[in-house]
């Protein structure tokens, strides 16, 4: 395994979701077609796909997007149309997680984790 590459959210209205996710993640899509919209979020792929077939939304699989200020981001997402799924909760040490539902029912996780470091960014002892 090489690590997480892409998180996909399925939506019934790709144009409306494109606009909402651009606002939510404060980035414009780099790929924008009727069959897929892709955003580069600090090197990670956020993808939007049109809903087809089974449209049941579930919260048994979560992706958490890192944030610097979880209360502020949680409140900002709520202000632009998300609804609370799990309020910000300390899950140990300084780590805090929360989840919201986008306007189409997808669960978006956010996490403040000051201990997390990307591979290659860990300082090595001399």
C-alpha atoms as a PDB file:
ATOM      1  CA  UNK A   1       0.000   0.000   0.000  1.00  0.00           C
ATOM      2  CA  UNK A   2       1.239   3.469  -0.874  1.00  0.00           C
ATOM      3  CA  UNK A   3      -1.190   5.521   1.209  1.00  0.00           C
ATOM      4  CA  UNK A   4      -4.417   7.355   0.558  1.00  0.00           C
ATOM      5  CA  UNK A   5      -4.725   8.861  -2.913  1.00  0.00           C
ATOM      6  CA  UNK A   6      -8.360   9.777  -3.575  1.00  0.00           C
ATOM      7  CA  UNK A   7     -11.612  10.353  -1.723  1.00  0.00           C
ATOM      8  CA  UNK A   8     -14.740  10.245  -3.889  1.00  0.00           C
ATOM      9  CA  UNK A   9     -18.119  11.762  -3.095  1.00  0.00           C
ATOM     10  CA  UNK A  10     -21.118  10.794  -5.260  1.00  0.00           C
ATOM     11  CA  UNK A  11     -23.649  13.538  -5.922  1.00  0.00           C
ATOM     12  CA  UNK A  12     -26.876  13.878  -7.938  1.00  0.00           C
ATOM     13  CA  UNK A  13     -26.042  17.399  -9.193  1.00  0.00           C
ATOM     14  CA  UNK A  14     -22.412  17.623 -10.305  1.00  0.00           C
ATOM     15  CA  UNK A  15     -22.535  21.352 -11.138  1.00  0.00           C
ATOM     16  CA  UNK A  16     -23.995  22.324  -7.752  1.00  0.00           C
ATOM     17  CA  UNK A  17     -21.559  20.000  -5.948  1.00  0.00           C
ATOM     18  CA  UNK A  18     -18.607  21.441  -7.896  1.00  0.00           C
ATOM     19  CA  UNK A  19     -19.517  24.922  -6.660  1.00  0.00           C
ATOM     20  CA  UNK A  20     -20.135  23.778  -3.079  1.00  0.00           C
ATOM     21  CA  UNK A  21     -16.910  21.757  -2.803  1.00  0.00           C
ATOM     22  CA  UNK A  22     -14.867  24.593  -4.333  1.00  0.00           C
ATOM     23  CA  UNK A  23     -16.204  26.830  -1.572  1.00  0.00           C
ATOM     24  CA  UNK A  24     -15.875  24.191   1.158  1.00  0.00           C
ATOM     25  CA  UNK A  25     -12.269  23.275   0.329  1.00  0.00           C
ATOM     26  CA  UNK A  26     -11.320  26.725  -0.977  1.00  0.00           C
ATOM     27  CA  UNK A  27      -9.820  25.347  -4.192  1.00  0.00           C
ATOM     28  CA  UNK A  28     -11.002  25.166  -7.802  1.00  0.00           C
ATOM     29  CA  UNK A  29     -11.146  21.856  -9.678  1.00  0.00           C
ATOM     30  CA  UNK A  30      -8.188  20.963 -11.877  1.00  0.00           C
ATOM     31  CA  UNK A  31     -10.319  18.473 -13.860  1.00  0.00           C
ATOM     32  CA  UNK A  32     -13.918  19.291 -14.742  1.00  0.00           C
ATOM     33  CA  UNK A  33     -15.919  16.964 -16.987  1.00  0.00           C
ATOM     34  CA  UNK A  34     -19.538  15.753 -16.968  1.00  0.00           C
ATOM     35  CA  UNK A  35     -18.365  12.341 -15.679  1.00  0.00           C
ATOM     36  CA  UNK A  36     -15.877  13.490 -12.998  1.00  0.00           C
ATOM     37  CA  UNK A  37     -14.717  16.607 -11.182  1.00  0.00           C
ATOM     38  CA  UNK A  38     -11.301  16.443  -9.515  1.00  0.00           C
ATOM     39  CA  UNK A  39      -9.789  18.768  -6.934  1.00  0.00           C
ATOM     40  CA  UNK A  40      -6.187  18.751  -5.745  1.00  0.00           C
ATOM     41  CA  UNK A  41      -6.356  19.427  -2.008  1.00  0.00           C
ATOM     42  CA  UNK A  42      -2.752  19.894  -0.855  1.00  0.00           C
ATOM     43  CA  UNK A  43      -1.648  16.895  -2.922  1.00  0.00           C
ATOM     44  CA  UNK A  44      -4.664  14.687  -2.201  1.00  0.00           C
ATOM     45  CA  UNK A  45      -7.445  13.972  -4.689  1.00  0.00           C
ATOM     46  CA  UNK A  46     -11.033  14.890  -3.890  1.00  0.00           C
ATOM     47  CA  UNK A  47     -13.302  13.573  -6.608  1.00  0.00           C
ATOM     48  CA  UNK A  48     -16.952  14.072  -7.425  1.00  0.00           C
ATOM     49  CA  UNK A  49     -18.869  11.463  -9.405  1.00  0.00           C
ATOM     50  CA  UNK A  50     -22.466  11.594 -10.631  1.00  0.00           C
ATOM     51  CA  UNK A  51     -24.727   9.297  -8.629  1.00  0.00           C
ATOM     52  CA  UNK A  52     -25.869   6.234 -10.514  1.00  0.00           C
ATOM     53  CA  UNK A  53     -27.758   3.218  -9.230  1.00  0.00           C
ATOM     54  CA  UNK A  54     -27.634   2.711  -5.458  1.00  0.00           C
ATOM     55  CA  UNK A  55     -27.605   6.160  -3.854  1.00  0.00           C
ATOM     56  CA  UNK A  56     -27.678   5.001  -0.233  1.00  0.00           C
ATOM     57  CA  UNK A  57     -25.253   7.106   1.825  1.00  0.00           C
ATOM     58  CA  UNK A  58     -23.384   5.513   4.707  1.00  0.00           C
ATOM     59  CA  UNK A  59     -20.979   6.618   7.392  1.00  0.00           C
ATOM     60  CA  UNK A  60     -19.157   3.326   7.910  1.00  0.00           C
ATOM     61  CA  UNK A  61     -16.105   4.542   5.939  1.00  0.00           C
ATOM     62  CA  UNK A  62     -14.634   7.949   6.751  1.00  0.00           C
ATOM     63  CA  UNK A  63     -11.880  10.093   5.293  1.00  0.00           C
ATOM     64  CA  UNK A  64     -10.613  12.895   7.498  1.00  0.00           C
ATOM     65  CA  UNK A  65      -9.263  16.106   5.978  1.00  0.00           C
ATOM     66  CA  UNK A  66      -6.647  17.838   8.126  1.00  0.00           C
ATOM     67  CA  UNK A  67      -7.426  21.300   9.488  1.00  0.00           C
ATOM     68  CA  UNK A  68      -5.596  23.812  11.676  1.00  0.00           C
ATOM     69  CA  UNK A  69      -8.650  25.016  13.627  1.00  0.00           C
ATOM     70  CA  UNK A  70     -11.384  22.386  13.827  1.00  0.00           C
ATOM     71  CA  UNK A  71     -14.021  24.550  15.533  1.00  0.00           C
ATOM     72  CA  UNK A  72     -13.616  27.273  12.921  1.00  0.00           C
ATOM     73  CA  UNK A  73     -13.715  24.845   9.968  1.00  0.00           C
ATOM     74  CA  UNK A  74     -16.665  22.929  11.418  1.00  0.00           C
ATOM     75  CA  UNK A  75     -18.610  26.175  11.834  1.00  0.00           C
ATOM     76  CA  UNK A  76     -17.596  27.422   8.358  1.00  0.00           C
ATOM     77  CA  UNK A  77     -18.823  24.200   6.728  1.00  0.00           C
ATOM     78  CA  UNK A  78     -22.100  24.452   8.648  1.00  0.00           C
ATOM     79  CA  UNK A  79     -22.502  28.068   7.493  1.00  0.00           C
ATOM     80  CA  UNK A  80     -22.245  27.061   3.811  1.00  0.00           C
ATOM     81  CA  UNK A  81     -24.850  24.305   4.009  1.00  0.00           C
ATOM     82  CA  UNK A  82     -23.322  21.264   5.687  1.00  0.00           C
ATOM     83  CA  UNK A  83     -25.161  19.632   8.575  1.00  0.00           C
ATOM     84  CA  UNK A  84     -23.595  18.227  11.717  1.00  0.00           C
ATOM     85  CA  UNK A  85     -22.937  14.497  11.767  1.00  0.00           C
ATOM     86  CA  UNK A  86     -20.528  14.355  14.743  1.00  0.00           C
ATOM     87  CA  UNK A  87     -19.598  17.514  16.624  1.00  0.00           C
ATOM     88  CA  UNK A  88     -15.903  18.201  17.311  1.00  0.00           C
ATOM     89  CA  UNK A  89     -14.717  15.630  19.847  1.00  0.00           C
ATOM     90  CA  UNK A  90     -11.359  15.103  21.504  1.00  0.00           C
ATOM     91  CA  UNK A  91     -10.325  11.530  20.693  1.00  0.00           C
ATOM     92  CA  UNK A  92      -7.111  11.505  22.727  1.00  0.00           C
ATOM     93  CA  UNK A  93      -4.258  13.868  23.459  1.00  0.00           C
ATOM     94  CA  UNK A  94      -4.623  16.977  21.310  1.00  0.00           C
ATOM     95  CA  UNK A  95      -6.427  15.152  18.483  1.00  0.00           C
ATOM     96  CA  UNK A  96      -9.954  16.371  17.673  1.00  0.00           C
ATOM     97  CA  UNK A  97     -12.257  14.994  14.981  1.00  0.00           C
ATOM     98  CA  UNK A  98     -15.649  15.997  13.586  1.00  0.00           C
ATOM     99  CA  UNK A  99     -17.848  15.005  10.676  1.00  0.00           C
ATOM    100  CA  UNK A 100     -20.464  16.862   8.649  1.00  0.00           C
ATOM    101  CA  UNK A 101     -22.810  15.864   5.865  1.00  0.00           C
ATOM    102  CA  UNK A 102     -22.620  17.777   2.603  1.00  0.00           C
ATOM    103  CA  UNK A 103     -25.916  18.974   1.053  1.00  0.00           C
ATOM    104  CA  UNK A 104     -26.229  15.544  -0.678  1.00  0.00           C
ATOM    105  CA  UNK A 105     -25.728  13.421   2.429  1.00  0.00           C
ATOM    106  CA  UNK A 106     -22.047  12.484   2.037  1.00  0.00           C
ATOM    107  CA  UNK A 107     -20.046  12.398   5.268  1.00  0.00           C
ATOM    108  CA  UNK A 108     -16.937  14.599   5.317  1.00  0.00           C
ATOM    109  CA  UNK A 109     -14.482  14.115   8.160  1.00  0.00           C
ATOM    110  CA  UNK A 110     -12.171  16.813   9.490  1.00  0.00           C
ATOM    111  CA  UNK A 111      -9.334  16.313  11.946  1.00  0.00           C
ATOM    112  CA  UNK A 112      -6.946  18.427  13.953  1.00  0.00           C
ATOM    113  CA  UNK A 113      -3.921  16.243  14.674  1.00  0.00           C
ATOM    114  CA  UNK A 114      -0.742  18.115  15.609  1.00  0.00           C
ATOM    115  CA  UNK A 115       1.128  14.774  15.788  1.00  0.00           C
ATOM    116  CA  UNK A 116       0.532  13.854  12.121  1.00  0.00           C
ATOM    117  CA  UNK A 117       3.434  14.276   9.712  1.00  0.00           C
ATOM    118  CA  UNK A 118       3.516  13.439   6.032  1.00  0.00           C
ATOM    119  CA  UNK A 119       6.016  10.773   4.980  1.00  0.00           C
ATOM    120  CA  UNK A 120       9.380  12.360   4.255  1.00  0.00           C
ATOM    121  CA  UNK A 121       8.695  15.295   6.555  1.00  0.00           C
ATOM    122  CA  UNK A 122       9.801  13.456   9.687  1.00  0.00           C
ATOM    123  CA  UNK A 123      13.079  14.873  10.912  1.00  0.00           C
ATOM    124  CA  UNK A 124      15.841  12.328  11.195  1.00  0.00           C
ATOM    125  CA  UNK A 125      18.309  12.323  14.100  1.00  0.00           C
ATOM    126  CA  UNK A 126      21.864  13.384  13.246  1.00  0.00           C
END
